[in-house]
Amino acid sequence: SQPAFDQVAMTPRTVGAYTEISRKLLLQSSVGVQDFVSQDLITVIGLAMDAAAINGAGSAQPVGILNTSGILTQTIAGSAPTWAEVVGFETKVAAESADEPTCAYLTTPKVRGILRQTLPNTAAKDPIWQSPNGNGADGTVNGYRGFVSSNVPATLGAGTNEHAIVFGNFADLIIGLWGSVDLLLDPYSLSKSGGMR
């Protein structure tokens, strides 16, 4: 086969978060509060990156998976995905020669709950979404890893109550990082009260 290459232009974007720590908290707590606050800020920034990767709209945000042109779609006709519709995700991806071991499902917590209660057919003993098998995922769907994120949209469709399900080769998701997370201590903004930002 003849491989095809492309040059992907990336544009740096900035995501930031801050929290304010009072002077009283600093005086009454151990050094552990600084570690707690630092970890919380890193988590918040990670969630913002997750949201942009999944559903970023472009412009001020990167373009996320759900807003990338040319992405295949699978229609879910009823209020819950059927086994045939779940297999339809995999069939469409495989038809594009993208069916890899790194393929996985990504959806909302509500859809995971529904799929945990939905059997593929009347003879089946196990639900569509099964318990994790030690592969670092939130579960498995038809042998593929399944992940859950509250950043997956749950307000799609005409009634704005439809949830997204994503299936694909997540090794193809490119996130460019310029540097790492910078944590800066600002002792000036709250200097009158002795706090820090």
Protein backbone atom coordinates (compact mmCIF):
# COMPACT_ATOMS: atom_id res chain seq x y z
CA SER A 1 0.00 0.00 0.00
CA GLN A 2 1.02 3.60 -0.40
CA PRO A 3 1.09 5.44 2.92
CA ALA A 4 -0.34 8.96 3.02
CA PHE A 5 1.13 11.67 5.21
CA ASP A 6 -0.24 15.00 6.26
CA GLN A 7 1.05 17.95 8.20
CA VAL A 8 -1.18 18.84 11.14
CA ALA A 9 -1.02 22.49 12.12
CA MET A 10 -1.43 23.04 15.85
CA THR A 11 -2.25 26.30 17.58
CA PRO A 12 -1.34 26.78 21.25
CA ARG A 13 -4.24 27.56 23.58
CA THR A 14 -4.12 28.36 27.27
CA VAL A 15 -6.27 26.95 30.02
CA GLY A 16 -5.97 28.35 33.51
CA ALA A 17 -7.45 27.96 36.95
CA TYR A 18 -6.90 29.55 40.30
CA THR A 19 -7.99 29.16 43.89
CA GLU A 20 -7.69 31.44 46.87
CA ILE A 21 -6.24 30.31 50.18
CA SER A 22 -6.98 32.37 53.26
CA ARG A 23 -4.38 33.39 55.79
CA LYS A 24 -6.27 31.47 58.50
CA LEU A 25 -6.13 28.26 56.48
CA LEU A 26 -2.41 28.70 55.95
CA LEU A 27 -1.86 29.26 59.69
CA GLN A 28 -4.07 26.41 60.87
CA SER A 29 -3.12 23.71 58.39
CA SER A 30 -0.14 21.56 57.68
CA VAL A 31 2.03 21.68 54.58
CA GLY A 32 -0.41 19.12 53.12
CA VAL A 33 -2.91 21.85 52.17
CA GLN A 34 -0.51 23.17 49.54
CA ASP A 35 -0.21 19.70 48.01
CA PHE A 36 -3.99 19.31 48.14
CA VAL A 37 -4.60 22.63 46.38
CA SER A 38 -1.90 21.95 43.78
CA GLN A 39 -3.38 18.53 42.98
CA ASP A 40 -6.88 20.01 42.76
CA LEU A 41 -5.73 22.68 40.27
CA ILE A 42 -3.97 20.06 38.13
CA THR A 43 -7.16 17.95 38.16
CA VAL A 44 -9.28 20.92 37.06
CA ILE A 45 -6.90 21.71 34.20
CA GLY A 46 -6.91 18.02 33.18
CA LEU A 47 -10.73 18.04 33.08
CA ALA A 48 -10.66 21.13 30.85
CA MET A 49 -8.26 19.36 28.47
CA ASP A 50 -10.52 16.28 28.51
CA ALA A 51 -13.57 18.40 27.63
CA ALA A 52 -11.72 20.11 24.76
CA ALA A 53 -10.44 16.79 23.36
CA ILE A 54 -13.94 15.31 23.37
CA ASN A 55 -16.13 18.24 22.34
CA GLY A 56 -13.94 21.29 21.70
CA ALA A 57 -15.65 23.68 19.31
CA GLY A 58 -12.56 25.23 17.73
CA SER A 59 -11.58 28.91 17.76
CA ALA A 60 -10.78 29.54 21.44
CA GLN A 61 -10.73 25.76 22.05
CA PRO A 62 -9.10 22.97 20.06
CA VAL A 63 -11.41 21.02 17.74
CA GLY A 64 -12.60 17.97 19.65
CA ILE A 65 -13.53 14.50 18.41
CA LEU A 66 -17.24 15.28 18.11
CA ASN A 67 -16.60 18.44 16.09
CA THR A 68 -14.03 17.00 13.68
CA SER A 69 -15.29 16.86 10.11
CA GLY A 70 -15.55 13.45 8.49
CA ILE A 71 -16.20 11.49 11.69
CA LEU A 72 -18.47 8.50 11.07
CA THR A 73 -21.76 8.40 12.94
CA GLN A 74 -23.95 5.58 14.26
CA THR A 75 -27.63 6.27 14.84
CA ILE A 76 -29.26 5.06 18.06
CA ALA A 77 -32.96 4.72 17.23
CA GLY A 78 -34.45 4.15 20.68
CA SER A 79 -33.90 5.36 24.21
CA ALA A 80 -31.08 2.84 24.73
CA PRO A 81 -28.50 1.37 22.34
CA THR A 82 -29.27 -2.10 21.04
CA TRP A 83 -26.65 -4.79 20.55
CA ALA A 84 -26.87 -4.34 16.77
CA GLU A 85 -26.23 -0.59 17.15
CA VAL A 86 -23.23 -1.19 19.42
CA VAL A 87 -21.76 -3.63 16.90
CA GLY A 88 -22.54 -1.03 14.23
CA PHE A 89 -19.94 1.29 15.79
CA GLU A 90 -17.28 -1.39 15.48
CA THR A 91 -18.31 -2.37 11.94
CA LYS A 92 -18.04 1.20 10.63
CA VAL A 93 -14.61 1.71 12.20
CA ALA A 94 -13.37 -1.66 10.92
CA ALA A 95 -14.59 -0.79 7.39
CA GLU A 96 -12.16 2.17 7.49
CA SER A 97 -9.30 -0.18 8.50
CA ALA A 98 -9.08 1.56 11.85
CA ASP A 99 -10.08 -1.41 14.02
CA GLU A 100 -7.08 -1.64 16.33
CA PRO A 101 -6.41 -2.99 19.83
CA THR A 102 -6.35 0.64 20.97
CA CYS A 103 -10.02 1.14 20.02
CA ALA A 104 -12.31 1.91 22.92
CA TYR A 105 -15.74 3.20 23.84
CA LEU A 106 -16.31 6.53 25.59
CA THR A 107 -19.67 7.70 26.91
CA THR A 108 -21.52 9.31 29.81
CA PRO A 109 -22.11 7.73 33.22
CA LYS A 110 -25.85 7.46 32.42
CA VAL A 111 -25.27 5.46 29.23
CA ARG A 112 -22.88 3.18 31.09
CA GLY A 113 -25.65 2.58 33.66
CA ILE A 114 -28.13 1.76 30.90
CA LEU A 115 -25.71 -0.61 29.14
CA ARG A 116 -24.98 -2.36 32.45
CA GLN A 117 -28.66 -3.29 32.55
CA THR A 118 -29.09 -4.13 28.85
CA LEU A 119 -28.54 -7.69 27.63
CA PRO A 120 -27.36 -8.24 24.03
CA ASN A 121 -30.19 -10.75 23.52
CA THR A 122 -32.66 -12.82 25.54
CA ALA A 123 -30.24 -15.76 25.85
CA ALA A 124 -27.35 -13.64 27.14
CA LYS A 125 -26.29 -13.71 30.78
CA ASP A 126 -23.92 -10.73 30.71
CA PRO A 127 -24.92 -7.12 29.95
CA ILE A 128 -23.47 -5.10 27.08
CA TRP A 129 -21.27 -3.07 29.47
CA GLN A 130 -19.33 -5.47 31.66
CA SER A 131 -17.14 -4.90 34.69
CA PRO A 132 -13.51 -3.84 34.27
CA ASN A 133 -11.08 -6.68 33.65
CA GLY A 134 -7.94 -5.04 34.98
CA ASN A 135 -7.08 -3.14 31.78
CA GLY A 136 -7.33 0.32 33.36
CA ALA A 137 -10.75 1.01 31.84
CA ASP A 138 -14.12 1.63 33.48
CA GLY A 139 -15.44 -1.56 31.88
CA THR A 140 -15.55 -3.52 28.64
CA VAL A 141 -18.00 -3.53 25.73
CA ASN A 142 -17.80 -6.52 23.38
CA GLY A 143 -14.18 -7.04 24.39
CA TYR A 144 -13.16 -3.39 23.91
CA ARG A 145 -12.24 -1.07 26.75
CA GLY A 146 -15.02 1.24 27.90
CA PHE A 147 -14.44 4.65 29.50
CA VAL A 148 -16.77 7.15 31.12
CA SER A 149 -16.42 10.93 31.32
CA SER A 150 -18.82 13.58 32.51
CA ASN A 151 -17.31 15.72 29.72
CA VAL A 152 -19.06 13.62 27.08
CA PRO A 153 -22.12 15.66 26.01
CA ALA A 154 -25.49 14.62 27.42
CA THR A 155 -27.47 17.44 25.80
CA LEU A 156 -27.54 16.44 22.13
CA GLY A 157 -30.52 16.05 19.81
CA ALA A 158 -33.74 17.97 19.32
CA GLY A 159 -34.78 17.41 22.92
CA THR A 160 -31.27 18.25 24.19
CA ASN A 161 -31.30 15.09 26.27
CA GLU A 162 -29.41 12.63 24.07
CA HIS A 163 -26.03 11.33 25.20
CA ALA A 164 -23.00 10.80 22.98
CA ILE A 165 -21.17 7.50 22.57
CA VAL A 166 -17.75 7.54 20.92
CA PHE A 167 -15.97 4.47 19.57
CA GLY A 168 -12.68 4.67 17.82
CA ASN A 169 -8.93 4.30 17.81
CA PHE A 170 -7.92 6.70 20.57
CA ALA A 171 -4.27 6.31 19.60
CA ASP A 172 -5.21 8.59 16.67
CA LEU A 173 -6.26 11.40 19.02
CA ILE A 174 -3.43 13.93 18.97
CA ILE A 175 -2.98 16.36 21.85
CA GLY A 176 -0.06 18.74 21.45
CA LEU A 177 1.35 20.14 24.68
CA TRP A 178 3.66 23.12 24.85
CA GLY A 179 5.47 22.76 28.15
CA SER A 180 3.83 21.46 31.28
CA VAL A 181 1.46 22.71 33.95
CA ASP A 182 2.82 25.84 35.62
CA LEU A 183 1.76 26.56 39.18
CA LEU A 184 2.40 30.12 40.25
CA LEU A 185 1.93 31.50 43.74
CA ASP A 186 0.50 35.03 43.82
CA PRO A 187 1.01 36.59 47.27
CA TYR A 188 0.00 40.08 46.04
CA SER A 189 -3.66 39.88 44.93
CA LEU A 190 -4.84 39.03 48.45
CA SER A 191 -2.05 40.82 50.30
CA LYS A 192 -4.45 42.99 52.36
CA SER A 193 -5.94 39.87 53.97
CA GLY A 194 -2.73 37.84 54.06
CA GLY A 195 -4.10 35.18 51.73
CA MET A 196 -2.65 33.73 48.55
CA ARG A 197 -3.95 33.01 45.07
